[in-house]
Amino acid sequence: MILVTTEGIAGKEFETLGLVKGSTIQTVNAVRDIGAGLKTLVGGELTKYNEMMGKARALATKRMVEEAEGMGADAIVCVRYSSASVMQSAAEVMAYGTAVKFR
């Protein structure tokens, strides 16, 4: 499956199949959240949150690709990601784009 952020793929003609998306809501455990809270006092990177968001993006992407494969897509164009805080220490990550089939 080809994933691109552009509206087209060089050298490829395709038909649009429709919108596809994948999402997940992730959180870190309470102990790590307390540690992250303390980290805000001294500054620095919140590595556990980075790891959580990386896993969330990967899972959202996987779910989006599975939806596109179910439609018979060859690629997804205009891929975008969004995230939103659902509650303290929890975030939703969504991946979405347009499924296309090559001609």
PDB file of N, CA and C in Angstrom:
ATOM      1  N   MET A   1       0.849  -1.176   0.000  1.00  0.00           N
ATOM      2  CA  MET A   1       0.000   0.000   0.000  1.00  0.00           C
ATOM      3  C   MET A   1       0.897   1.242   0.000  1.00  0.00           C
ATOM      4  N   ILE A   2       0.649   2.117  -0.952  1.00  0.00           N
ATOM      5  CA  ILE A   2       1.393   3.372  -1.034  1.00  0.00           C
ATOM      6  C   ILE A   2       0.629   4.437  -0.247  1.00  0.00           C
ATOM      7  N   LEU A   3       1.332   5.148   0.617  1.00  0.00           N
ATOM      8  CA  LEU A   3       0.750   6.240   1.389  1.00  0.00           C
ATOM      9  C   LEU A   3       1.503   7.517   1.053  1.00  0.00           C
ATOM     10  N   VAL A   4       0.778   8.552   0.633  1.00  0.00           N
ATOM     11  CA  VAL A   4       1.420   9.828   0.328  1.00  0.00           C
ATOM     12  C   VAL A   4       0.593  10.964   0.899  1.00  0.00           C
ATOM     13  N   THR A   5       1.256  12.070   1.175  1.00  0.00           N
ATOM     14  CA  THR A   5       0.557  13.246   1.668  1.00  0.00           C
ATOM     15  C   THR A   5       0.116  14.156   0.527  1.00  0.00           C
ATOM     16  N   THR A   6       0.566  13.859  -0.672  1.00  0.00           N
ATOM     17  CA  THR A   6       0.230  14.667  -1.840  1.00  0.00           C
ATOM     18  C   THR A   6      -1.106  14.235  -2.439  1.00  0.00           C
ATOM     19  N   GLU A   7      -1.629  15.070  -3.347  1.00  0.00           N
ATOM     20  CA  GLU A   7      -2.906  14.757  -3.992  1.00  0.00           C
ATOM     21  C   GLU A   7      -2.764  13.742  -5.117  1.00  0.00           C
ATOM     22  N   GLY A   8      -1.556  13.504  -5.566  1.00  0.00           N
ATOM     23  CA  GLY A   8      -1.326  12.568  -6.658  1.00  0.00           C
ATOM     24  C   GLY A   8      -0.049  11.786  -6.437  1.00  0.00           C
ATOM     25  N   ILE A   9       0.161  10.824  -7.337  1.00  0.00           N
ATOM     26  CA  ILE A   9       1.374  10.008  -7.309  1.00  0.00           C
ATOM     27  C   ILE A   9       1.970  10.088  -8.708  1.00  0.00           C
ATOM     28  N   ALA A  10       3.204  10.532  -8.809  1.00  0.00           N
ATOM     29  CA  ALA A  10       3.855  10.732 -10.099  1.00  0.00           C
ATOM     30  C   ALA A  10       3.763   9.482 -10.967  1.00  0.00           C
ATOM     31  N   GLY A  11       3.284   9.667 -12.187  1.00  0.00           N
ATOM     32  CA  GLY A  11       3.214   8.572 -13.143  1.00  0.00           C
ATOM     33  C   GLY A  11       2.034   7.635 -12.952  1.00  0.00           C
ATOM     34  N   LYS A  12       1.145   7.935 -12.030  1.00  0.00           N
ATOM     35  CA  LYS A  12       0.005   7.048 -11.759  1.00  0.00           C
ATOM     36  C   LYS A  12      -1.310   7.780 -12.022  1.00  0.00           C
ATOM     37  N   GLU A  13      -2.214   7.092 -12.700  1.00  0.00           N
ATOM     38  CA  GLU A  13      -3.583   7.568 -12.837  1.00  0.00           C
ATOM     39  C   GLU A  13      -4.438   6.677 -11.962  1.00  0.00           C
ATOM     40  N   PHE A  14      -5.422   7.279 -11.323  1.00  0.00           N
ATOM     41  CA  PHE A  14      -6.236   6.478 -10.411  1.00  0.00           C
ATOM     42  C   PHE A  14      -7.653   7.007 -10.327  1.00  0.00           C
ATOM     43  N   GLU A  15      -8.510   6.140  -9.815  1.00  0.00           N
ATOM     44  CA  GLU A  15      -9.880   6.533  -9.509  1.00  0.00           C
ATOM     45  C   GLU A  15     -10.031   6.602  -7.997  1.00  0.00           C
ATOM     46  N   THR A  16     -10.835   7.535  -7.555  1.00  0.00           N
ATOM     47  CA  THR A  16     -11.063   7.726  -6.125  1.00  0.00           C
ATOM     48  C   THR A  16     -12.077   6.712  -5.615  1.00  0.00           C
ATOM     49  N   LEU A  17     -11.752   6.042  -4.519  1.00  0.00           N
ATOM     50  CA  LEU A  17     -12.665   5.095  -3.896  1.00  0.00           C
ATOM     51  C   LEU A  17     -13.411   5.715  -2.721  1.00  0.00           C
ATOM     52  N   GLY A  18     -12.770   6.621  -2.010  1.00  0.00           N
ATOM     53  CA  GLY A  18     -13.436   7.281  -0.899  1.00  0.00           C
ATOM     54  C   GLY A  18     -12.530   7.507   0.296  1.00  0.00           C
ATOM     55  N   LEU A  19     -13.114   8.135   1.292  1.00  0.00           N
ATOM     56  CA  LEU A  19     -12.415   8.458   2.537  1.00  0.00           C
ATOM     57  C   LEU A  19     -12.144   7.197   3.341  1.00  0.00           C
ATOM     58  N   VAL A  20     -10.940   7.107   3.879  1.00  0.00           N
ATOM     59  CA  VAL A  20     -10.594   6.032   4.819  1.00  0.00           C
ATOM     60  C   VAL A  20      -9.977   6.669   6.055  1.00  0.00           C
ATOM     61  N   LYS A  21     -10.176   6.007   7.193  1.00  0.00           N
ATOM     62  CA  LYS A  21      -9.617   6.549   8.423  1.00  0.00           C
ATOM     63  C   LYS A  21      -9.342   5.427   9.410  1.00  0.00           C
ATOM     64  N   GLY A  22      -8.507   5.746  10.345  1.00  0.00           N
ATOM     65  CA  GLY A  22      -8.212   4.842  11.448  1.00  0.00           C
ATOM     66  C   GLY A  22      -7.947   5.686  12.664  1.00  0.00           C
ATOM     67  N   SER A  23      -8.361   5.215  13.824  1.00  0.00           N
ATOM     68  CA  SER A  23      -8.113   6.002  15.029  1.00  0.00           C
ATOM     69  C   SER A  23      -7.888   5.093  16.230  1.00  0.00           C
ATOM     70  N   THR A  24      -7.337   5.691  17.257  1.00  0.00           N
ATOM     71  CA  THR A  24      -7.135   5.008  18.521  1.00  0.00           C
ATOM     72  C   THR A  24      -7.056   6.054  19.626  1.00  0.00           C
ATOM     73  N   ILE A  25      -7.385   5.640  20.817  1.00  0.00           N
ATOM     74  CA  ILE A  25      -7.207   6.491  21.993  1.00  0.00           C
ATOM     75  C   ILE A  25      -6.221   5.771  22.902  1.00  0.00           C
ATOM     76  N   GLN A  26      -5.163   6.467  23.259  1.00  0.00           N
ATOM     77  CA  GLN A  26      -4.086   5.877  24.049  1.00  0.00           C
ATOM     78  C   GLN A  26      -3.845   6.711  25.302  1.00  0.00           C
ATOM     79  N   THR A  27      -3.290   6.058  26.295  1.00  0.00           N
ATOM     80  CA  THR A  27      -2.898   6.740  27.531  1.00  0.00           C
ATOM     81  C   THR A  27      -1.640   6.081  28.079  1.00  0.00           C
ATOM     82  N   VAL A  28      -0.973   6.781  28.972  1.00  0.00           N
ATOM     83  CA  VAL A  28       0.146   6.187  29.698  1.00  0.00           C
ATOM     84  C   VAL A  28      -0.364   5.809  31.078  1.00  0.00           C
ATOM     85  N   ASN A  29       0.352   4.900  31.753  1.00  0.00           N
ATOM     86  CA  ASN A  29      -0.133   4.494  33.080  1.00  0.00           C
ATOM     87  C   ASN A  29       0.085   5.604  34.108  1.00  0.00           C
ATOM     88  N   ALA A  30      -0.603   5.506  35.216  1.00  0.00           N
ATOM     89  CA  ALA A  30      -0.614   6.565  36.233  1.00  0.00           C
ATOM     90  C   ALA A  30       0.779   6.879  36.773  1.00  0.00           C
ATOM     91  N   VAL A  31       1.611   5.859  36.995  1.00  0.00           N
ATOM     92  CA  VAL A  31       2.957   6.087  37.522  1.00  0.00           C
ATOM     93  C   VAL A  31       3.767   6.935  36.545  1.00  0.00           C
ATOM     94  N   ARG A  32       3.681   6.605  35.257  1.00  0.00           N
ATOM     95  CA  ARG A  32       4.405   7.391  34.250  1.00  0.00           C
ATOM     96  C   ARG A  32       3.838   8.798  34.160  1.00  0.00           C
ATOM     97  N   ASP A  33       2.523   8.935  34.358  1.00  0.00           N
ATOM     98  CA  ASP A  33       1.905  10.250  34.302  1.00  0.00           C
ATOM     99  C   ASP A  33       2.410  11.130  35.445  1.00  0.00           C
ATOM    100  N   ILE A  34       2.560  10.554  36.628  1.00  0.00           N
ATOM    101  CA  ILE A  34       3.107  11.302  37.768  1.00  0.00           C
ATOM    102  C   ILE A  34       4.540  11.723  37.456  1.00  0.00           C
ATOM    103  N   GLY A  35       5.316  10.802  36.891  1.00  0.00           N
ATOM    104  CA  GLY A  35       6.693  11.124  36.516  1.00  0.00           C
ATOM    105  C   GLY A  35       6.748  12.235  35.485  1.00  0.00           C
ATOM    106  N   ALA A  36       5.814  12.213  34.538  1.00  0.00           N
ATOM    107  CA  ALA A  36       5.769  13.269  33.524  1.00  0.00           C
ATOM    108  C   ALA A  36       5.399  14.599  34.158  1.00  0.00           C
ATOM    109  N   GLY A  37       4.493  14.559  35.133  1.00  0.00           N
ATOM    110  CA  GLY A  37       4.130  15.785  35.838  1.00  0.00           C
ATOM    111  C   GLY A  37       5.326  16.402  36.540  1.00  0.00           C
ATOM    112  N   LEU A  38       6.147  15.560  37.155  1.00  0.00           N
ATOM    113  CA  LEU A  38       7.363  16.056  37.814  1.00  0.00           C
ATOM    114  C   LEU A  38       8.354  16.600  36.796  1.00  0.00           C
ATOM    115  N   LYS A  39       8.376  15.981  35.620  1.00  0.00           N
ATOM    116  CA  LYS A  39       9.302  16.406  34.570  1.00  0.00           C
ATOM    117  C   LYS A  39       8.993  17.831  34.120  1.00  0.00           C
ATOM    118  N   THR A  40       7.721  18.226  34.204  1.00  0.00           N
ATOM    119  CA  THR A  40       7.373  19.586  33.796  1.00  0.00           C
ATOM    120  C   THR A  40       8.008  20.642  34.688  1.00  0.00           C
ATOM    121  N   LEU A  41       8.402  20.241  35.877  1.00  0.00           N
ATOM    122  CA  LEU A  41       9.065  21.191  36.785  1.00  0.00           C
ATOM    123  C   LEU A  41      10.480  21.520  36.342  1.00  0.00           C
ATOM    124  N   VAL A  42      11.146  20.541  35.756  1.00  0.00           N
ATOM    125  CA  VAL A  42      12.540  20.731  35.359  1.00  0.00           C
ATOM    126  C   VAL A  42      12.722  20.873  33.857  1.00  0.00           C
ATOM    127  N   GLY A  43      11.694  20.530  33.085  1.00  0.00           N
ATOM    128  CA  GLY A  43      11.783  20.631  31.632  1.00  0.00           C
ATOM    129  C   GLY A  43      12.388  19.391  31.011  1.00  0.00           C
ATOM    130  N   GLY A  44      12.287  19.302  29.719  1.00  0.00           N
ATOM    131  CA  GLY A  44      12.860  18.179  28.984  1.00  0.00           C
ATOM    132  C   GLY A  44      11.803  17.409  28.228  1.00  0.00           C
ATOM    133  N   GLU A  45      12.261  16.439  27.506  1.00  0.00           N
ATOM    134  CA  GLU A  45      11.391  15.632  26.661  1.00  0.00           C
ATOM    135  C   GLU A  45      10.625  14.602  27.487  1.00  0.00           C
ATOM    136  N   LEU A  46       9.357  14.437  27.183  1.00  0.00           N
ATOM    137  CA  LEU A  46       8.523  13.429  27.842  1.00  0.00           C
ATOM    138  C   LEU A  46       8.553  12.171  26.979  1.00  0.00           C
ATOM    139  N   THR A  47       9.587  11.360  27.162  1.00  0.00           N
ATOM    140  CA  THR A  47       9.827  10.230  26.266  1.00  0.00           C
ATOM    141  C   THR A  47       8.695   9.206  26.276  1.00  0.00           C
ATOM    142  N   LYS A  48       8.072   8.966  27.404  1.00  0.00           N
ATOM    143  CA  LYS A  48       6.983   7.986  27.459  1.00  0.00           C
ATOM    144  C   LYS A  48       5.780   8.465  26.648  1.00  0.00           C
ATOM    145  N   TYR A  49       5.541   9.772  26.672  1.00  0.00           N
ATOM    146  CA  TYR A  49       4.456  10.326  25.866  1.00  0.00           C
ATOM    147  C   TYR A  49       4.806  10.260  24.377  1.00  0.00           C
ATOM    148  N   ASN A  50       6.068  10.510  24.039  1.00  0.00           N
ATOM    149  CA  ASN A  50       6.501  10.361  22.651  1.00  0.00           C
ATOM    150  C   ASN A  50       6.287   8.933  22.170  1.00  0.00           C
ATOM    151  N   GLU A  51       6.658   7.975  23.007  1.00  0.00           N
ATOM    152  CA  GLU A  51       6.471   6.570  22.661  1.00  0.00           C
ATOM    153  C   GLU A  51       4.986   6.249  22.495  1.00  0.00           C
ATOM    154  N   MET A  52       4.158   6.746  23.413  1.00  0.00           N
ATOM    155  CA  MET A  52       2.723   6.513  23.342  1.00  0.00           C
ATOM    156  C   MET A  52       2.148   7.070  22.042  1.00  0.00           C
ATOM    157  N   MET A  53       2.531   8.292  21.690  1.00  0.00           N
ATOM    158  CA  MET A  53       1.992   8.916  20.484  1.00  0.00           C
ATOM    159  C   MET A  53       2.514   8.218  19.231  1.00  0.00           C
ATOM    160  N   GLY A  54       3.739   7.745  19.260  1.00  0.00           N
ATOM    161  CA  GLY A  54       4.274   6.987  18.123  1.00  0.00           C
ATOM    162  C   GLY A  54       3.498   5.698  17.907  1.00  0.00           C
ATOM    163  N   LYS A  55       3.219   4.988  18.985  1.00  0.00           N
ATOM    164  CA  LYS A  55       2.427   3.755  18.887  1.00  0.00           C
ATOM    165  C   LYS A  55       1.011   4.060  18.415  1.00  0.00           C
ATOM    166  N   ALA A  56       0.448   5.155  18.897  1.00  0.00           N
ATOM    167  CA  ALA A  56      -0.897   5.540  18.494  1.00  0.00           C
ATOM    168  C   ALA A  56      -0.950   5.869  17.002  1.00  0.00           C
ATOM    169  N   ARG A  57       0.033   6.602  16.496  1.00  0.00           N
ATOM    170  CA  ARG A  57       0.069   6.917  15.063  1.00  0.00           C
ATOM    171  C   ARG A  57       0.205   5.656  14.234  1.00  0.00           C
ATOM    172  N   ALA A  58       1.057   4.734  14.684  1.00  0.00           N
ATOM    173  CA  ALA A  58       1.245   3.480  13.951  1.00  0.00           C
ATOM    174  C   ALA A  58      -0.047   2.668  13.909  1.00  0.00           C
ATOM    175  N   LEU A  59      -0.753   2.596  15.021  1.00  0.00           N
ATOM    176  CA  LEU A  59      -2.001   1.834  15.072  1.00  0.00           C
ATOM    177  C   LEU A  59      -3.086   2.502  14.235  1.00  0.00           C
ATOM    178  N   ALA A  60      -3.189   3.809  14.314  1.00  0.00           N
ATOM    179  CA  ALA A  60      -4.176   4.526  13.507  1.00  0.00           C
ATOM    180  C   ALA A  60      -3.889   4.333  12.017  1.00  0.00           C
ATOM    181  N   THR A  61      -2.614   4.384  11.637  1.00  0.00           N
ATOM    182  CA  THR A  61      -2.232   4.168  10.241  1.00  0.00           C
ATOM    183  C   THR A  61      -2.590   2.753   9.802  1.00  0.00           C
ATOM    184  N   LYS A  62      -2.292   1.779  10.636  1.00  0.00           N
ATOM    185  CA  LYS A  62      -2.607   0.380  10.324  1.00  0.00           C
ATOM    186  C   LYS A  62      -4.105   0.206  10.094  1.00  0.00           C
ATOM    187  N   ARG A  63      -4.909   0.796  10.935  1.00  0.00           N
ATOM    188  CA  ARG A  63      -6.368   0.680  10.796  1.00  0.00           C
ATOM    189  C   ARG A  63      -6.863   1.376   9.532  1.00  0.00           C
ATOM    190  N   MET A  64      -6.271   2.511   9.189  1.00  0.00           N
ATOM    191  CA  MET A  64      -6.631   3.207   7.963  1.00  0.00           C
ATOM    192  C   MET A  64      -6.289   2.354   6.745  1.00  0.00           C
ATOM    193  N   VAL A  65      -5.104   1.765   6.737  1.00  0.00           N
ATOM    194  CA  VAL A  65      -4.669   0.917   5.628  1.00  0.00           C
ATOM    195  C   VAL A  65      -5.583  -0.302   5.502  1.00  0.00           C
ATOM    196  N   GLU A  66      -5.948  -0.920   6.614  1.00  0.00           N
ATOM    197  CA  GLU A  66      -6.854  -2.074   6.574  1.00  0.00           C
ATOM    198  C   GLU A  66      -8.200  -1.703   5.957  1.00  0.00           C
ATOM    199  N   GLU A  67      -8.700  -0.514   6.289  1.00  0.00           N
ATOM    200  CA  GLU A  67      -9.963  -0.064   5.704  1.00  0.00           C
ATOM    201  C   GLU A  67      -9.813   0.120   4.196  1.00  0.00           C
ATOM    202  N   ALA A  68      -8.693   0.707   3.767  1.00  0.00           N
ATOM    203  CA  ALA A  68      -8.444   0.913   2.338  1.00  0.00           C
ATOM    204  C   ALA A  68      -8.300  -0.418   1.606  1.00  0.00           C
ATOM    205  N   GLU A  69      -7.586  -1.359   2.213  1.00  0.00           N
ATOM    206  CA  GLU A  69      -7.435  -2.680   1.597  1.00  0.00           C
ATOM    207  C   GLU A  69      -8.790  -3.358   1.424  1.00  0.00           C
ATOM    208  N   GLY A  70      -9.677  -3.171   2.389  1.00  0.00           N
ATOM    209  CA  GLY A  70     -11.014  -3.728   2.300  1.00  0.00           C
ATOM    210  C   GLY A  70     -11.819  -3.161   1.143  1.00  0.00           C
ATOM    211  N   MET A  71     -11.452  -1.958   0.687  1.00  0.00           N
ATOM    212  CA  MET A  71     -12.116  -1.324  -0.457  1.00  0.00           C
ATOM    213  C   MET A  71     -11.435  -1.685  -1.770  1.00  0.00           C
ATOM    214  N   GLY A  72     -10.322  -2.422  -1.694  1.00  0.00           N
ATOM    215  CA  GLY A  72      -9.574  -2.771  -2.898  1.00  0.00           C
ATOM    216  C   GLY A  72      -8.619  -1.686  -3.356  1.00  0.00           C
ATOM    217  N   ALA A  73      -8.219  -0.799  -2.475  1.00  0.00           N
ATOM    218  CA  ALA A  73      -7.345   0.322  -2.825  1.00  0.00           C
ATOM    219  C   ALA A  73      -5.911  -0.128  -3.068  1.00  0.00           C
ATOM    220  N   ASP A  74      -5.238   0.635  -3.928  1.00  0.00           N
ATOM    221  CA  ASP A  74      -3.811   0.430  -4.181  1.00  0.00           C
ATOM    222  C   ASP A  74      -2.962   1.439  -3.409  1.00  0.00           C
ATOM    223  N   ALA A  75      -3.582   2.556  -3.045  1.00  0.00           N
ATOM    224  CA  ALA A  75      -2.844   3.622  -2.375  1.00  0.00           C
ATOM    225  C   ALA A  75      -3.817   4.502  -1.598  1.00  0.00           C
ATOM    226  N   ILE A  76      -3.225   5.336  -0.741  1.00  0.00           N
ATOM    227  CA  ILE A  76      -3.987   6.357  -0.035  1.00  0.00           C
ATOM    228  C   ILE A  76      -3.260   7.673  -0.268  1.00  0.00           C
ATOM    229  N   VAL A  77      -3.985   8.641  -0.823  1.00  0.00           N
ATOM    230  CA  VAL A  77      -3.408   9.959  -1.075  1.00  0.00           C
ATOM    231  C   VAL A  77      -3.957  10.946  -0.050  1.00  0.00           C
ATOM    232  N   CYS A  78      -3.293  12.075   0.046  1.00  0.00           N
ATOM    233  CA  CYS A  78      -3.700  13.149   0.971  1.00  0.00           C
ATOM    234  C   CYS A  78      -3.769  12.653   2.418  1.00  0.00           C
ATOM    235  N   VAL A  79      -2.816  11.828   2.815  1.00  0.00           N
ATOM    236  CA  VAL A  79      -2.811  11.296   4.181  1.00  0.00           C
ATOM    237  C   VAL A  79      -2.546  12.427   5.175  1.00  0.00           C
ATOM    238  N   ARG A  80      -3.357  12.450   6.223  1.00  0.00           N
ATOM    239  CA  ARG A  80      -3.222  13.443   7.277  1.00  0.00           C
ATOM    240  C   ARG A  80      -3.373  12.765   8.635  1.00  0.00           C
ATOM    241  N   TYR A  81      -2.828  13.414   9.648  1.00  0.00           N
ATOM    242  CA  TYR A  81      -2.963  12.942  11.029  1.00  0.00           C
ATOM    243  C   TYR A  81      -3.533  14.078  11.866  1.00  0.00           C
ATOM    244  N   SER A  82      -4.336  13.718  12.827  1.00  0.00           N
ATOM    245  CA  SER A  82      -4.805  14.708  13.791  1.00  0.00           C
ATOM    246  C   SER A  82      -4.784  14.058  15.167  1.00  0.00           C
ATOM    247  N   SER A  83      -4.682  14.890  16.174  1.00  0.00           N
ATOM    248  CA  SER A  83      -4.725  14.368  17.541  1.00  0.00           C
ATOM    249  C   SER A  83      -5.514  15.339  18.398  1.00  0.00           C
ATOM    250  N   ALA A  84      -6.104  14.784  19.428  1.00  0.00           N
ATOM    251  CA  ALA A  84      -6.889  15.597  20.356  1.00  0.00           C
ATOM    252  C   ALA A  84      -6.804  14.985  21.736  1.00  0.00           C
ATOM    253  N   SER A  85      -6.787  15.828  22.714  1.00  0.00           N
ATOM    254  CA  SER A  85      -6.809  15.358  24.092  1.00  0.00           C
ATOM    255  C   SER A  85      -8.227  14.927  24.430  1.00  0.00           C
ATOM    256  N   VAL A  86      -8.360  13.713  24.939  1.00  0.00           N
ATOM    257  CA  VAL A  86      -9.671  13.186  25.301  1.00  0.00           C
ATOM    258  C   VAL A  86      -9.925  13.437  26.781  1.00  0.00           C
ATOM    259  N   MET A  87      -8.895  13.259  27.578  1.00  0.00           N
ATOM    260  CA  MET A  87      -8.921  13.528  29.011  1.00  0.00           C
ATOM    261  C   MET A  87      -7.471  13.653  29.441  1.00  0.00           C
ATOM    262  N   GLN A  88      -7.229  13.978  30.676  1.00  0.00           N
ATOM    263  CA  GLN A  88      -5.847  14.120  31.125  1.00  0.00           C
ATOM    264  C   GLN A  88      -5.092  12.828  30.867  1.00  0.00           C
ATOM    265  N   SER A  89      -3.965  12.929  30.198  1.00  0.00           N
ATOM    266  CA  SER A  89      -3.062  11.803  29.892  1.00  0.00           C
ATOM    267  C   SER A  89      -3.578  10.862  28.819  1.00  0.00           C
ATOM    268  N   ALA A  90      -4.672  11.207  28.142  1.00  0.00           N
ATOM    269  CA  ALA A  90      -5.188  10.354  27.069  1.00  0.00           C
ATOM    270  C   ALA A  90      -5.370  11.199  25.820  1.00  0.00           C
ATOM    271  N   ALA A  91      -5.000  10.625  24.686  1.00  0.00           N
ATOM    272  CA  ALA A  91      -5.117  11.345  23.428  1.00  0.00           C
ATOM    273  C   ALA A  91      -5.675  10.429  22.350  1.00  0.00           C
ATOM    274  N   GLU A  92      -6.505  11.012  21.496  1.00  0.00           N
ATOM    275  CA  GLU A  92      -6.969  10.299  20.312  1.00  0.00           C
ATOM    276  C   GLU A  92      -6.075  10.708  19.158  1.00  0.00           C
ATOM    277  N   VAL A  93      -5.669   9.734  18.370  1.00  0.00           N
ATOM    278  CA  VAL A  93      -4.924   9.992  17.151  1.00  0.00           C
ATOM    279  C   VAL A  93      -5.735   9.423  16.010  1.00  0.00           C
ATOM    280  N   MET A  94      -5.914  10.236  14.964  1.00  0.00           N
ATOM    281  CA  MET A  94      -6.651   9.788  13.788  1.00  0.00           C
ATOM    282  C   MET A  94      -5.772   9.960  12.551  1.00  0.00           C
ATOM    283  N   ALA A  95      -5.781   8.948  11.709  1.00  0.00           N
ATOM    284  CA  ALA A  95      -5.136   9.005  10.403  1.00  0.00           C
ATOM    285  C   ALA A  95      -6.245   8.931   9.375  1.00  0.00           C
ATOM    286  N   TYR A  96      -6.181   9.778   8.349  1.00  0.00           N
ATOM    287  CA  TYR A  96      -7.214   9.737   7.332  1.00  0.00           C
ATOM    288  C   TYR A  96      -6.651  10.154   5.977  1.00  0.00           C
ATOM    289  N   GLY A  97      -7.326   9.745   4.936  1.00  0.00           N
ATOM    290  CA  GLY A  97      -6.902  10.076   3.590  1.00  0.00           C
ATOM    291  C   GLY A  97      -7.928   9.573   2.588  1.00  0.00           C
ATOM    292  N   THR A  98      -7.554   9.618   1.316  1.00  0.00           N
ATOM    293  CA  THR A  98      -8.432   9.195   0.236  1.00  0.00           C
ATOM    294  C   THR A  98      -7.894   7.921  -0.389  1.00  0.00           C
ATOM    295  N   ALA A  99      -8.685   6.868  -0.342  1.00  0.00           N
ATOM    296  CA  ALA A  99      -8.301   5.590  -0.954  1.00  0.00           C
ATOM    297  C   ALA A  99      -8.473   5.700  -2.463  1.00  0.00           C
ATOM    298  N   VAL A 100      -7.481   5.185  -3.193  1.00  0.00           N
ATOM    299  CA  VAL A 100      -7.538   5.226  -4.651  1.00  0.00           C
ATOM    300  C   VAL A 100      -7.129   3.870  -5.244  1.00  0.00           C
ATOM    301  N   LYS A 101      -7.606   3.634  -6.475  1.00  0.00           N
ATOM    302  CA  LYS A 101      -7.255   2.410  -7.211  1.00  0.00           C
ATOM    303  C   LYS A 101      -6.617   2.844  -8.510  1.00  0.00           C
ATOM    304  N   PHE A 102      -5.477   2.247  -8.839  1.00  0.00           N
ATOM    305  CA  PHE A 102      -4.773   2.585 -10.073  1.00  0.00           C
ATOM    306  C   PHE A 102      -5.528   2.085 -11.288  1.00  0.00           C
ATOM    307  N   ARG A 103      -5.451   2.858 -12.351  1.00  0.00           N
ATOM    308  CA  ARG A 103      -6.086   2.459 -13.623  1.00  0.00           C
ATOM    309  C   ARG A 103      -5.142   1.638 -14.454  1.00  0.00           C
TER     310      ARG A 103
END
